[in-house]
Amino acid sequence: MAIKGQKFKTYSEKLKLEAIRLHVEEKWTYRQINDHLGIQDQGRMKRWMRKYREKGEFGLLDQRGRRKEYLDQERYVQQLKRENAMLKKCLEIWMREGKNSVSSSLNKQRTSAK
């Protein structure tokens, strides 16, 4: 519980991303990361990982003082980006399938004409 006038330690987004990278890519333990980066609160890494899993990098941003509309807008933009990426992949597959079906129908026409 906070004490009146107590100052809380804040960490930059860059440091949080580095901590996440060390855990995910380098397989460091939370304790190793805390010691290496000077994170004092033992449970902080666990909270950052939970937020990262839920919302990605956006979950690591300091949300204090942000308007709800802005947060919803940012989530919507991220959702649209994911949808666009998926649609691009689908389009690539459809284009490949379309080329294959066109070439197979041309081959059928050529063999029937002979």
C-alpha atoms as a PDB file:
ATOM      1  CA  MET A   1       0.000   0.000   0.000  1.00  0.00           C
ATOM      2  CA  ALA A   2       1.284   3.436  -0.872  1.00  0.00           C
ATOM      3  CA  ILE A   3       2.330   5.859   1.836  1.00  0.00           C
ATOM      4  CA  LYS A   4       1.464   9.526   1.391  1.00  0.00           C
ATOM      5  CA  GLY A   5       4.309  11.272  -0.418  1.00  0.00           C
ATOM      6  CA  GLN A   6       5.931   7.989  -1.469  1.00  0.00           C
ATOM      7  CA  LYS A   7       7.782   8.080  -4.792  1.00  0.00           C
ATOM      8  CA  PHE A   8       7.495   5.100  -7.097  1.00  0.00           C
ATOM      9  CA  LYS A   9      10.291   3.945  -9.362  1.00  0.00           C
ATOM     10  CA  THR A  10       9.375   4.201 -13.033  1.00  0.00           C
ATOM     11  CA  TYR A  11      11.093   2.371 -15.857  1.00  0.00           C
ATOM     12  CA  SER A  12      11.427   3.392 -19.483  1.00  0.00           C
ATOM     13  CA  GLU A  13       9.692   1.529 -22.274  1.00  0.00           C
ATOM     14  CA  LYS A  14      13.155   0.710 -23.677  1.00  0.00           C
ATOM     15  CA  LEU A  15      14.204  -0.968 -20.416  1.00  0.00           C
ATOM     16  CA  LYS A  16      10.934  -2.929 -20.255  1.00  0.00           C
ATOM     17  CA  LEU A  17      11.398  -4.181 -23.822  1.00  0.00           C
ATOM     18  CA  GLU A  18      14.969  -5.196 -23.046  1.00  0.00           C
ATOM     19  CA  ALA A  19      13.762  -7.098 -19.966  1.00  0.00           C
ATOM     20  CA  ILE A  20      11.110  -8.892 -22.046  1.00  0.00           C
ATOM     21  CA  ARG A  21      13.693  -9.705 -24.740  1.00  0.00           C
ATOM     22  CA  LEU A  22      16.100 -11.160 -22.185  1.00  0.00           C
ATOM     23  CA  HIS A  23      13.368 -13.396 -20.811  1.00  0.00           C
ATOM     24  CA  VAL A  24      11.813 -14.489 -24.122  1.00  0.00           C
ATOM     25  CA  GLU A  25      14.854 -14.749 -26.391  1.00  0.00           C
ATOM     26  CA  GLU A  26      17.747 -15.298 -23.984  1.00  0.00           C
ATOM     27  CA  LYS A  27      15.750 -17.408 -21.469  1.00  0.00           C
ATOM     28  CA  TRP A  28      16.967 -15.409 -18.468  1.00  0.00           C
ATOM     29  CA  THR A  29      15.119 -15.842 -15.183  1.00  0.00           C
ATOM     30  CA  TYR A  30      13.221 -12.945 -13.630  1.00  0.00           C
ATOM     31  CA  ARG A  31      15.798 -12.764 -10.833  1.00  0.00           C
ATOM     32  CA  GLN A  32      18.704 -12.534 -13.327  1.00  0.00           C
ATOM     33  CA  ILE A  33      16.912  -9.758 -15.214  1.00  0.00           C
ATOM     34  CA  ASN A  34      16.092  -7.848 -12.018  1.00  0.00           C
ATOM     35  CA  ASP A  35      19.732  -8.000 -10.880  1.00  0.00           C
ATOM     36  CA  HIS A  36      21.108  -7.096 -14.328  1.00  0.00           C
ATOM     37  CA  LEU A  37      18.782  -4.143 -14.964  1.00  0.00           C
ATOM     38  CA  GLY A  38      18.432  -2.939 -11.364  1.00  0.00           C
ATOM     39  CA  ILE A  39      14.700  -3.644 -11.045  1.00  0.00           C
ATOM     40  CA  GLN A  40      13.925  -3.505  -7.337  1.00  0.00           C
ATOM     41  CA  ASP A  41      10.391  -4.933  -7.181  1.00  0.00           C
ATOM     42  CA  GLN A  42      10.552  -8.735  -7.413  1.00  0.00           C
ATOM     43  CA  GLY A  43       7.050  -9.071  -8.931  1.00  0.00           C
ATOM     44  CA  ARG A  44       7.474  -6.379 -11.566  1.00  0.00           C
ATOM     45  CA  MET A  45       8.857  -8.664 -14.304  1.00  0.00           C
ATOM     46  CA  LYS A  46       5.938 -11.040 -13.826  1.00  0.00           C
ATOM     47  CA  ARG A  47       3.464  -8.147 -14.305  1.00  0.00           C
ATOM     48  CA  TRP A  48       5.322  -6.873 -17.379  1.00  0.00           C
ATOM     49  CA  MET A  49       5.272 -10.353 -18.937  1.00  0.00           C
ATOM     50  CA  ARG A  50       1.537 -10.692 -18.286  1.00  0.00           C
ATOM     51  CA  LYS A  51       0.849  -7.300 -19.887  1.00  0.00           C
ATOM     52  CA  TYR A  52       3.149  -8.149 -22.805  1.00  0.00           C
ATOM     53  CA  ARG A  53       1.341 -11.455 -23.437  1.00  0.00           C
ATOM     54  CA  GLU A  54      -2.070  -9.754 -23.268  1.00  0.00           C
ATOM     55  CA  LYS A  55      -1.411  -6.619 -25.332  1.00  0.00           C
ATOM     56  CA  GLY A  56       2.056  -6.897 -26.844  1.00  0.00           C
ATOM     57  CA  GLU A  57       4.397  -3.916 -26.630  1.00  0.00           C
ATOM     58  CA  PHE A  58       1.429  -1.571 -26.187  1.00  0.00           C
ATOM     59  CA  GLY A  59       0.765  -3.192 -22.795  1.00  0.00           C
ATOM     60  CA  LEU A  60       4.135  -1.957 -21.530  1.00  0.00           C
ATOM     61  CA  LEU A  61       3.332   1.722 -22.080  1.00  0.00           C
ATOM     62  CA  ASP A  62       2.581   3.884 -19.074  1.00  0.00           C
ATOM     63  CA  GLN A  63      -1.194   4.268 -19.273  1.00  0.00           C
ATOM     64  CA  ARG A  64      -1.596   6.853 -16.521  1.00  0.00           C
ATOM     65  CA  GLY A  65      -3.274  10.016 -17.716  1.00  0.00           C
ATOM     66  CA  ARG A  66      -4.237   8.588 -21.104  1.00  0.00           C
ATOM     67  CA  ARG A  67      -7.789   9.053 -22.309  1.00  0.00           C
ATOM     68  CA  LYS A  68      -9.869   5.928 -22.841  1.00  0.00           C
ATOM     69  CA  GLU A  69     -10.703   7.003 -26.407  1.00  0.00           C
ATOM     70  CA  TYR A  70      -7.014   7.132 -27.262  1.00  0.00           C
ATOM     71  CA  LEU A  71      -6.431   3.656 -25.833  1.00  0.00           C
ATOM     72  CA  ASP A  72      -9.396   2.241 -27.734  1.00  0.00           C
ATOM     73  CA  GLN A  73      -8.207   3.944 -30.901  1.00  0.00           C
ATOM     74  CA  GLU A  74      -4.723   2.485 -30.545  1.00  0.00           C
ATOM     75  CA  ARG A  75      -6.118  -1.015 -29.954  1.00  0.00           C
ATOM     76  CA  TYR A  76      -8.318  -0.610 -33.040  1.00  0.00           C
ATOM     77  CA  VAL A  77      -5.313   0.434 -35.146  1.00  0.00           C
ATOM     78  CA  GLN A  78      -3.360  -2.616 -33.930  1.00  0.00           C
ATOM     79  CA  GLN A  79      -6.305  -4.878 -34.757  1.00  0.00           C
ATOM     80  CA  LEU A  80      -6.541  -3.391 -38.265  1.00  0.00           C
ATOM     81  CA  LYS A  81      -2.808  -3.930 -38.796  1.00  0.00           C
ATOM     82  CA  ARG A  82      -3.164  -7.603 -37.817  1.00  0.00           C
ATOM     83  CA  GLU A  83      -6.160  -8.006 -40.147  1.00  0.00           C
ATOM     84  CA  ASN A  84      -4.287  -6.355 -43.017  1.00  0.00           C
ATOM     85  CA  ALA A  85      -1.318  -8.673 -42.556  1.00  0.00           C
ATOM     86  CA  MET A  86      -3.620 -11.702 -42.577  1.00  0.00           C
ATOM     87  CA  LEU A  87      -5.450 -10.479 -45.693  1.00  0.00           C
ATOM     88  CA  LYS A  88      -2.142  -9.935 -47.499  1.00  0.00           C
ATOM     89  CA  LYS A  89      -1.159 -13.536 -46.754  1.00  0.00           C
ATOM     90  CA  CYS A  90      -4.544 -14.777 -47.992  1.00  0.00           C
ATOM     91  CA  LEU A  91      -4.174 -12.725 -51.169  1.00  0.00           C
ATOM     92  CA  GLU A  92      -0.745 -14.248 -51.828  1.00  0.00           C
ATOM     93  CA  ILE A  93      -2.189 -17.745 -51.448  1.00  0.00           C
ATOM     94  CA  TRP A  94      -5.160 -16.959 -53.700  1.00  0.00           C
ATOM     95  CA  MET A  95      -2.868 -15.465 -56.327  1.00  0.00           C
ATOM     96  CA  ARG A  96      -0.699 -18.612 -56.286  1.00  0.00           C
ATOM     97  CA  GLU A  97      -3.759 -20.863 -56.470  1.00  0.00           C
ATOM     98  CA  GLY A  98      -5.190 -18.739 -59.282  1.00  0.00           C
ATOM     99  CA  LYS A  99      -1.976 -19.025 -61.296  1.00  0.00           C
ATOM    100  CA  ASN A 100      -1.913 -22.777 -60.748  1.00  0.00           C
ATOM    101  CA  SER A 101      -5.545 -23.204 -61.852  1.00  0.00           C
ATOM    102  CA  VAL A 102      -5.009 -20.993 -64.931  1.00  0.00           C
ATOM    103  CA  SER A 103      -1.908 -22.922 -65.962  1.00  0.00           C
ATOM    104  CA  SER A 104      -3.646 -26.278 -65.397  1.00  0.00           C
ATOM    105  CA  SER A 105      -6.656 -25.190 -67.501  1.00  0.00           C
ATOM    106  CA  LEU A 106      -4.297 -24.000 -70.260  1.00  0.00           C
ATOM    107  CA  ASN A 107      -2.557 -27.382 -70.189  1.00  0.00           C
ATOM    108  CA  LYS A 108      -5.936 -29.133 -70.505  1.00  0.00           C
ATOM    109  CA  GLN A 109      -6.829 -26.947 -73.482  1.00  0.00           C
ATOM    110  CA  ARG A 110      -3.517 -27.690 -75.169  1.00  0.00           C
ATOM    111  CA  THR A 111      -3.808 -31.453 -74.700  1.00  0.00           C
ATOM    112  CA  SER A 112      -7.418 -31.538 -75.938  1.00  0.00           C
ATOM    113  CA  ALA A 113      -6.511 -29.432 -79.028  1.00  0.00           C
ATOM    114  CA  LYS A 114      -3.849 -31.960 -80.077  1.00  0.00           C
END
